[in-house]
Amino acid sequence: MTEKISLLVGLGNPGAEYQDTRHNAGFWFVDELARRYSLSWRSESRFFGETARGPIAGCDARLLKPGTYMNRSGRAVTSLAGFFRIPAESILIVHDEIDLPPGTVRLKKGGGHGGHNGLRDIISALGNREFYRLRLGVGHPGHKDDVVDYVLRKPTRDERQSIDESVVRAADAIPDILAGRIQHSMNSLHAPNTEK
C-alpha cells in the first residue's frame, strides 16, 4: 500500500527581507495552497515554524513553513512529523530548484539533496530520504560560485511570472498527489507546458 501524503512542507527563509527571493519558492507554494483552501497559518514554537491544517481536496492535510532558516529546515520537519507520527513517505517537501528553468515543475520520490541545503538538513534530521519532493525551477546563475547570492535575490519580473505560473500548476495537481495518484501527477506536471 502506498502511503498517502499528509504533510506538505514549503521551504524558505523567514523574514520580510527574504520573502520575495528565489529560495522562498516553497513558501510561495504552500501560501497558495492555504489561500486556495482557506486555511489559516498559526505560529507554533514547538514545531519551529508556521502551520496550517484542514481539508485539501477531501484529505486532511497539514502545511508547514519552517521558521528555522533554510539550513536548519530538518528541525521543524522532524518536530512536526515526529509528534504526529508521520512517516517520511507521507511527506512532500516543496523547494526551489536551480537546475530547472523558471516555470518548470518536477515531482519525485527519494534521491539525494543535489546541493540544496534545506534538503540536506532534512535528510540528515529524518535519517531517511524517501520523502516526496516537488521541485520548482528558479533557474541557474551560470556558475556554482554565484548560487548563494542568486537564490537570495529576487527573480526578474518575467522569472517571477513563470515561477508563479508553475506554483499554480503544481497546486492544481495537489488533489491527485494527495489521493496517491503520483504517476498521473508526474505525467501531468512533467508534460511540456504549452499554455501561454
C-alpha atoms as a PDB file:
ATOM      1  CA  MET A   1       0.000   0.000   0.000  1.00  0.00           C
ATOM      2  CA  THR A   2       1.258   3.435  -0.910  1.00  0.00           C
ATOM      3  CA  GLU A   3       1.458   5.932   1.911  1.00  0.00           C
ATOM      4  CA  LYS A   4      -0.691   8.975   1.247  1.00  0.00           C
ATOM      5  CA  ILE A   5       0.900  12.360   1.654  1.00  0.00           C
ATOM      6  CA  SER A   6      -0.417  14.194   4.709  1.00  0.00           C
ATOM      7  CA  LEU A   7       2.314  16.782   5.396  1.00  0.00           C
ATOM      8  CA  LEU A   8       3.295  19.406   2.835  1.00  0.00           C
ATOM      9  CA  VAL A   9       6.360  21.466   3.718  1.00  0.00           C
ATOM     10  CA  GLY A  10       7.327  24.606   1.838  1.00  0.00           C
ATOM     11  CA  LEU A  11      10.972  25.567   2.253  1.00  0.00           C
ATOM     12  CA  GLY A  12      12.194  29.131   2.581  1.00  0.00           C
ATOM     13  CA  ASN A  13      13.683  31.688   4.926  1.00  0.00           C
ATOM     14  CA  PRO A  14      11.544  33.670   7.399  1.00  0.00           C
ATOM     15  CA  GLY A  15      11.523  37.456   7.424  1.00  0.00           C
ATOM     16  CA  ALA A  16      10.477  40.265   5.110  1.00  0.00           C
ATOM     17  CA  GLU A  17      13.950  40.574   3.579  1.00  0.00           C
ATOM     18  CA  TYR A  18      13.697  37.051   2.162  1.00  0.00           C
ATOM     19  CA  GLN A  19      10.018  36.718   1.277  1.00  0.00           C
ATOM     20  CA  ASP A  20      10.409  37.605  -2.415  1.00  0.00           C
ATOM     21  CA  THR A  21      13.697  35.775  -3.037  1.00  0.00           C
ATOM     22  CA  ARG A  22      14.081  32.682  -5.222  1.00  0.00           C
ATOM     23  CA  HIS A  23      14.926  30.486  -2.222  1.00  0.00           C
ATOM     24  CA  ASN A  24      11.401  31.078  -0.909  1.00  0.00           C
ATOM     25  CA  ALA A  25       9.552  29.425  -3.788  1.00  0.00           C
ATOM     26  CA  GLY A  26       8.474  26.648  -1.410  1.00  0.00           C
ATOM     27  CA  PHE A  27       6.834  29.234   0.861  1.00  0.00           C
ATOM     28  CA  TRP A  28       5.045  30.724  -2.163  1.00  0.00           C
ATOM     29  CA  PHE A  29       3.605  27.300  -2.944  1.00  0.00           C
ATOM     30  CA  VAL A  30       2.182  26.487   0.499  1.00  0.00           C
ATOM     31  CA  ASP A  31       0.872  30.066   0.756  1.00  0.00           C
ATOM     32  CA  GLU A  32      -1.018  29.419  -2.492  1.00  0.00           C
ATOM     33  CA  LEU A  33      -2.484  26.214  -1.042  1.00  0.00           C
ATOM     34  CA  ALA A  34      -3.522  27.988   2.164  1.00  0.00           C
ATOM     35  CA  ARG A  35      -5.171  30.746   0.135  1.00  0.00           C
ATOM     36  CA  ARG A  36      -6.870  28.316  -2.244  1.00  0.00           C
ATOM     37  CA  TYR A  37      -8.295  26.119   0.522  1.00  0.00           C
ATOM     38  CA  SER A  38      -8.954  28.908   3.061  1.00  0.00           C
ATOM     39  CA  LEU A  39      -6.512  27.590   5.660  1.00  0.00           C
ATOM     40  CA  SER A  40      -5.108  29.884   8.347  1.00  0.00           C
ATOM     41  CA  TRP A  41      -1.458  29.994   9.369  1.00  0.00           C
ATOM     42  CA  ARG A  42      -0.518  29.907  13.032  1.00  0.00           C
ATOM     43  CA  SER A  43       2.879  30.172  14.631  1.00  0.00           C
ATOM     44  CA  GLU A  44       3.764  27.060  16.659  1.00  0.00           C
ATOM     45  CA  SER A  45       7.012  27.257  18.572  1.00  0.00           C
ATOM     46  CA  ARG A  46       7.020  23.524  19.333  1.00  0.00           C
ATOM     47  CA  PHE A  47       7.235  22.895  15.577  1.00  0.00           C
ATOM     48  CA  PHE A  48       9.669  25.754  14.922  1.00  0.00           C
ATOM     49  CA  GLY A  49       7.518  27.372  12.279  1.00  0.00           C
ATOM     50  CA  GLU A  50       4.073  28.217  10.979  1.00  0.00           C
ATOM     51  CA  THR A  51       1.478  25.533  10.426  1.00  0.00           C
ATOM     52  CA  ALA A  52      -1.935  25.246   8.850  1.00  0.00           C
ATOM     53  CA  ARG A  53      -4.318  22.307   8.816  1.00  0.00           C
ATOM     54  CA  GLY A  54      -7.538  21.495   7.072  1.00  0.00           C
ATOM     55  CA  PRO A  55      -9.227  19.645   4.252  1.00  0.00           C
ATOM     56  CA  ILE A  56      -7.490  19.885   0.905  1.00  0.00           C
ATOM     57  CA  ALA A  57      -9.436  18.139  -1.856  1.00  0.00           C
ATOM     58  CA  GLY A  58     -11.128  15.936   0.740  1.00  0.00           C
ATOM     59  CA  CYS A  59      -7.901  14.958   2.506  1.00  0.00           C
ATOM     60  CA  ASP A  60      -6.852  16.035   5.982  1.00  0.00           C
ATOM     61  CA  ALA A  61      -3.558  17.787   5.357  1.00  0.00           C
ATOM     62  CA  ARG A  62      -1.012  19.781   7.296  1.00  0.00           C
ATOM     63  CA  LEU A  63       1.097  22.577   5.877  1.00  0.00           C
ATOM     64  CA  LEU A  64       4.394  23.709   7.376  1.00  0.00           C
ATOM     65  CA  LYS A  65       6.664  26.699   6.797  1.00  0.00           C
ATOM     66  CA  PRO A  66       9.830  26.163   8.864  1.00  0.00           C
ATOM     67  CA  GLY A  67      10.915  29.276  10.725  1.00  0.00           C
ATOM     68  CA  THR A  68      14.424  27.919  11.285  1.00  0.00           C
ATOM     69  CA  TYR A  69      16.042  29.300   8.128  1.00  0.00           C
ATOM     70  CA  MET A  70      16.768  27.031   5.192  1.00  0.00           C
ATOM     71  CA  ASN A  71      19.891  25.338   6.557  1.00  0.00           C
ATOM     72  CA  ARG A  72      18.006  24.071   9.629  1.00  0.00           C
ATOM     73  CA  SER A  73      14.747  23.023   7.980  1.00  0.00           C
ATOM     74  CA  GLY A  74      15.076  19.499   9.341  1.00  0.00           C
ATOM     75  CA  ARG A  75      14.415  20.619  12.898  1.00  0.00           C
ATOM     76  CA  ALA A  76      10.912  21.834  12.064  1.00  0.00           C
ATOM     77  CA  VAL A  77      10.102  18.887   9.805  1.00  0.00           C
ATOM     78  CA  THR A  78      11.172  16.238  12.331  1.00  0.00           C
ATOM     79  CA  SER A  79       9.434  18.003  15.214  1.00  0.00           C
ATOM     80  CA  LEU A  80       6.054  18.021  13.487  1.00  0.00           C
ATOM     81  CA  ALA A  81       6.413  14.655  11.738  1.00  0.00           C
ATOM     82  CA  GLY A  82       7.593  13.010  14.941  1.00  0.00           C
ATOM     83  CA  PHE A  83       4.780  14.454  17.044  1.00  0.00           C
ATOM     84  CA  PHE A  84       2.076  13.292  14.663  1.00  0.00           C
ATOM     85  CA  ARG A  85       3.873  10.058  13.687  1.00  0.00           C
ATOM     86  CA  ILE A  86       4.001  10.991  10.017  1.00  0.00           C
ATOM     87  CA  PRO A  87       6.409   8.710   8.125  1.00  0.00           C
ATOM     88  CA  ALA A  88       8.874  10.140   5.613  1.00  0.00           C
ATOM     89  CA  GLU A  89       6.916   8.525   2.768  1.00  0.00           C
ATOM     90  CA  SER A  90       3.913  10.719   3.671  1.00  0.00           C
ATOM     91  CA  ILE A  91       5.852  13.996   3.477  1.00  0.00           C
ATOM     92  CA  LEU A  92       6.064  16.285   0.445  1.00  0.00           C
ATOM     93  CA  ILE A  93       8.885  18.838   0.529  1.00  0.00           C
ATOM     94  CA  VAL A  94       8.417  21.775  -1.866  1.00  0.00           C
ATOM     95  CA  HIS A  95      11.560  23.701  -2.753  1.00  0.00           C
ATOM     96  CA  ASP A  96      13.321  25.906  -5.276  1.00  0.00           C
ATOM     97  CA  GLU A  97      15.440  24.081  -7.862  1.00  0.00           C
ATOM     98  CA  ILE A  98      18.300  25.875  -9.623  1.00  0.00           C
ATOM     99  CA  ASP A  99      18.816  23.013 -12.093  1.00  0.00           C
ATOM    100  CA  LEU A 100      15.409  23.667 -13.660  1.00  0.00           C
ATOM    101  CA  PRO A 101      14.392  26.794 -15.590  1.00  0.00           C
ATOM    102  CA  PRO A 102      11.708  29.087 -14.151  1.00  0.00           C
ATOM    103  CA  GLY A 103       8.255  27.730 -14.896  1.00  0.00           C
ATOM    104  CA  THR A 104       9.299  24.070 -14.655  1.00  0.00           C
ATOM    105  CA  VAL A 105       7.875  21.688 -12.050  1.00  0.00           C
ATOM    106  CA  ARG A 106       9.130  18.200 -11.224  1.00  0.00           C
ATOM    107  CA  LEU A 107       7.760  15.648  -8.758  1.00  0.00           C
ATOM    108  CA  LYS A 108       9.881  12.795  -7.471  1.00  0.00           C
ATOM    109  CA  LYS A 109      10.322  10.468  -4.523  1.00  0.00           C
ATOM    110  CA  GLY A 110      13.620   9.939  -2.787  1.00  0.00           C
ATOM    111  CA  GLY A 111      17.080  10.789  -4.026  1.00  0.00           C
ATOM    112  CA  GLY A 112      19.902  12.958  -2.763  1.00  0.00           C
ATOM    113  CA  HIS A 113      19.944  16.624  -1.813  1.00  0.00           C
ATOM    114  CA  GLY A 114      21.513  17.894  -5.045  1.00  0.00           C
ATOM    115  CA  GLY A 115      23.398  20.558  -3.119  1.00  0.00           C
ATOM    116  CA  HIS A 116      20.203  22.059  -1.672  1.00  0.00           C
ATOM    117  CA  ASN A 117      20.906  22.919   1.970  1.00  0.00           C
ATOM    118  CA  GLY A 118      17.290  22.571   3.050  1.00  0.00           C
ATOM    119  CA  LEU A 119      17.063  19.048   1.644  1.00  0.00           C
ATOM    120  CA  ARG A 120      20.483  18.177   3.052  1.00  0.00           C
ATOM    121  CA  ASP A 121      19.365  19.109   6.567  1.00  0.00           C
ATOM    122  CA  ILE A 122      16.007  17.315   6.258  1.00  0.00           C
ATOM    123  CA  ILE A 123      17.659  14.094   5.059  1.00  0.00           C
ATOM    124  CA  SER A 124      20.133  14.291   7.943  1.00  0.00           C
ATOM    125  CA  ALA A 125      17.441  15.033  10.543  1.00  0.00           C
ATOM    126  CA  LEU A 126      14.972  12.393   9.334  1.00  0.00           C
ATOM    127  CA  GLY A 127      17.640   9.795   8.687  1.00  0.00           C
ATOM    128  CA  ASN A 128      15.548   8.994   5.637  1.00  0.00           C
ATOM    129  CA  ARG A 129      15.454  10.330   2.077  1.00  0.00           C
ATOM    130  CA  GLU A 130      12.303   8.562   0.893  1.00  0.00           C
ATOM    131  CA  PHE A 131      10.065  11.620   1.107  1.00  0.00           C
ATOM    132  CA  TYR A 132       8.472  13.228  -1.929  1.00  0.00           C
ATOM    133  CA  ARG A 133       9.885  16.396  -3.460  1.00  0.00           C
ATOM    134  CA  LEU A 134       8.109  18.980  -5.554  1.00  0.00           C
ATOM    135  CA  ARG A 135      10.832  20.967  -7.319  1.00  0.00           C
ATOM    136  CA  LEU A 136      10.038  24.462  -8.579  1.00  0.00           C
ATOM    137  CA  GLY A 137      12.523  25.680 -11.159  1.00  0.00           C
ATOM    138  CA  VAL A 138      14.115  29.073 -10.480  1.00  0.00           C
ATOM    139  CA  GLY A 139      16.964  28.917 -12.993  1.00  0.00           C
ATOM    140  CA  HIS A 140      20.750  28.823 -12.548  1.00  0.00           C
ATOM    141  CA  PRO A 141      23.129  31.799 -12.346  1.00  0.00           C
ATOM    142  CA  GLY A 142      25.587  30.056 -14.660  1.00  0.00           C
ATOM    143  CA  HIS A 143      28.409  29.415 -12.194  1.00  0.00           C
ATOM    144  CA  LYS A 144      28.355  27.469  -8.942  1.00  0.00           C
ATOM    145  CA  ASP A 145      30.151  30.260  -7.059  1.00  0.00           C
ATOM    146  CA  ASP A 146      27.205  32.577  -7.734  1.00  0.00           C
ATOM    147  CA  VAL A 147      24.472  30.234  -6.463  1.00  0.00           C
ATOM    148  CA  VAL A 148      24.159  31.539  -2.891  1.00  0.00           C
ATOM    149  CA  ASP A 149      23.759  35.169  -3.938  1.00  0.00           C
ATOM    150  CA  TYR A 150      21.454  34.140  -6.763  1.00  0.00           C
ATOM    151  CA  VAL A 151      18.910  32.233  -4.671  1.00  0.00           C
ATOM    152  CA  LEU A 152      18.873  35.007  -2.065  1.00  0.00           C
ATOM    153  CA  ARG A 153      17.931  37.618  -4.655  1.00  0.00           C
ATOM    154  CA  LYS A 154      14.571  38.393  -6.195  1.00  0.00           C
ATOM    155  CA  PRO A 155      13.839  36.891  -9.592  1.00  0.00           C
ATOM    156  CA  THR A 156      13.274  39.195 -12.529  1.00  0.00           C
ATOM    157  CA  ARG A 157       9.686  40.124 -13.292  1.00  0.00           C
ATOM    158  CA  ASP A 158       9.468  37.586 -16.136  1.00  0.00           C
ATOM    159  CA  GLU A 159      11.059  34.877 -13.992  1.00  0.00           C
ATOM    160  CA  ARG A 160       8.656  35.571 -11.140  1.00  0.00           C
ATOM    161  CA  GLN A 161       5.704  35.327 -13.516  1.00  0.00           C
ATOM    162  CA  SER A 162       6.960  31.944 -14.767  1.00  0.00           C
ATOM    163  CA  ILE A 163       7.550  30.686 -11.219  1.00  0.00           C
ATOM    164  CA  ASP A 164       4.108  31.882 -10.122  1.00  0.00           C
ATOM    165  CA  GLU A 165       2.554  30.039 -13.072  1.00  0.00           C
ATOM    166  CA  SER A 166       4.403  26.870 -12.067  1.00  0.00           C
ATOM    167  CA  VAL A 167       3.148  27.268  -8.486  1.00  0.00           C
ATOM    168  CA  VAL A 168      -0.428  27.390  -9.800  1.00  0.00           C
ATOM    169  CA  ARG A 169       0.133  24.297 -11.984  1.00  0.00           C
ATOM    170  CA  ALA A 170       1.645  22.448  -9.030  1.00  0.00           C
ATOM    171  CA  ALA A 171      -1.244  23.461  -6.756  1.00  0.00           C
ATOM    172  CA  ASP A 172      -3.682  22.217  -9.407  1.00  0.00           C
ATOM    173  CA  ALA A 173      -2.008  18.789  -9.149  1.00  0.00           C
ATOM    174  CA  ILE A 174      -2.279  18.538  -5.370  1.00  0.00           C
ATOM    175  CA  PRO A 175      -5.677  16.748  -5.309  1.00  0.00           C
ATOM    176  CA  ASP A 176      -4.181  13.897  -7.379  1.00  0.00           C
ATOM    177  CA  ILE A 177      -0.988  13.882  -5.332  1.00  0.00           C
ATOM    178  CA  LEU A 178      -2.865  13.678  -2.018  1.00  0.00           C
ATOM    179  CA  ALA A 179      -5.076  10.917  -3.416  1.00  0.00           C
ATOM    180  CA  GLY A 180      -1.960   8.861  -4.162  1.00  0.00           C
ATOM    181  CA  ARG A 181      -2.187   9.242  -7.943  1.00  0.00           C
ATOM    182  CA  ILE A 182       1.514  10.068  -8.088  1.00  0.00           C
ATOM    183  CA  GLN A 183       2.305   8.732 -11.544  1.00  0.00           C
ATOM    184  CA  HIS A 184      -0.662  10.568 -13.023  1.00  0.00           C
ATOM    185  CA  SER A 185       0.548  13.757 -11.327  1.00  0.00           C
ATOM    186  CA  MET A 186       4.058  13.270 -12.665  1.00  0.00           C
ATOM    187  CA  ASN A 187       2.775  12.730 -16.202  1.00  0.00           C
ATOM    188  CA  SER A 188       0.717  15.903 -15.987  1.00  0.00           C
ATOM    189  CA  LEU A 189       3.363  18.110 -14.368  1.00  0.00           C
ATOM    190  CA  HIS A 190       6.261  16.873 -16.487  1.00  0.00           C
ATOM    191  CA  ALA A 191       4.453  17.332 -19.803  1.00  0.00           C
ATOM    192  CA  PRO A 192       5.584  20.388 -21.784  1.00  0.00           C
ATOM    193  CA  ASN A 193       3.592  23.415 -20.672  1.00  0.00           C
ATOM    194  CA  THR A 194       2.087  24.825 -23.872  1.00  0.00           C
ATOM    195  CA  GLU A 195      -0.220  27.331 -22.193  1.00  0.00           C
ATOM    196  CA  LYS A 196       0.675  30.964 -22.735  1.00  0.00           C
END
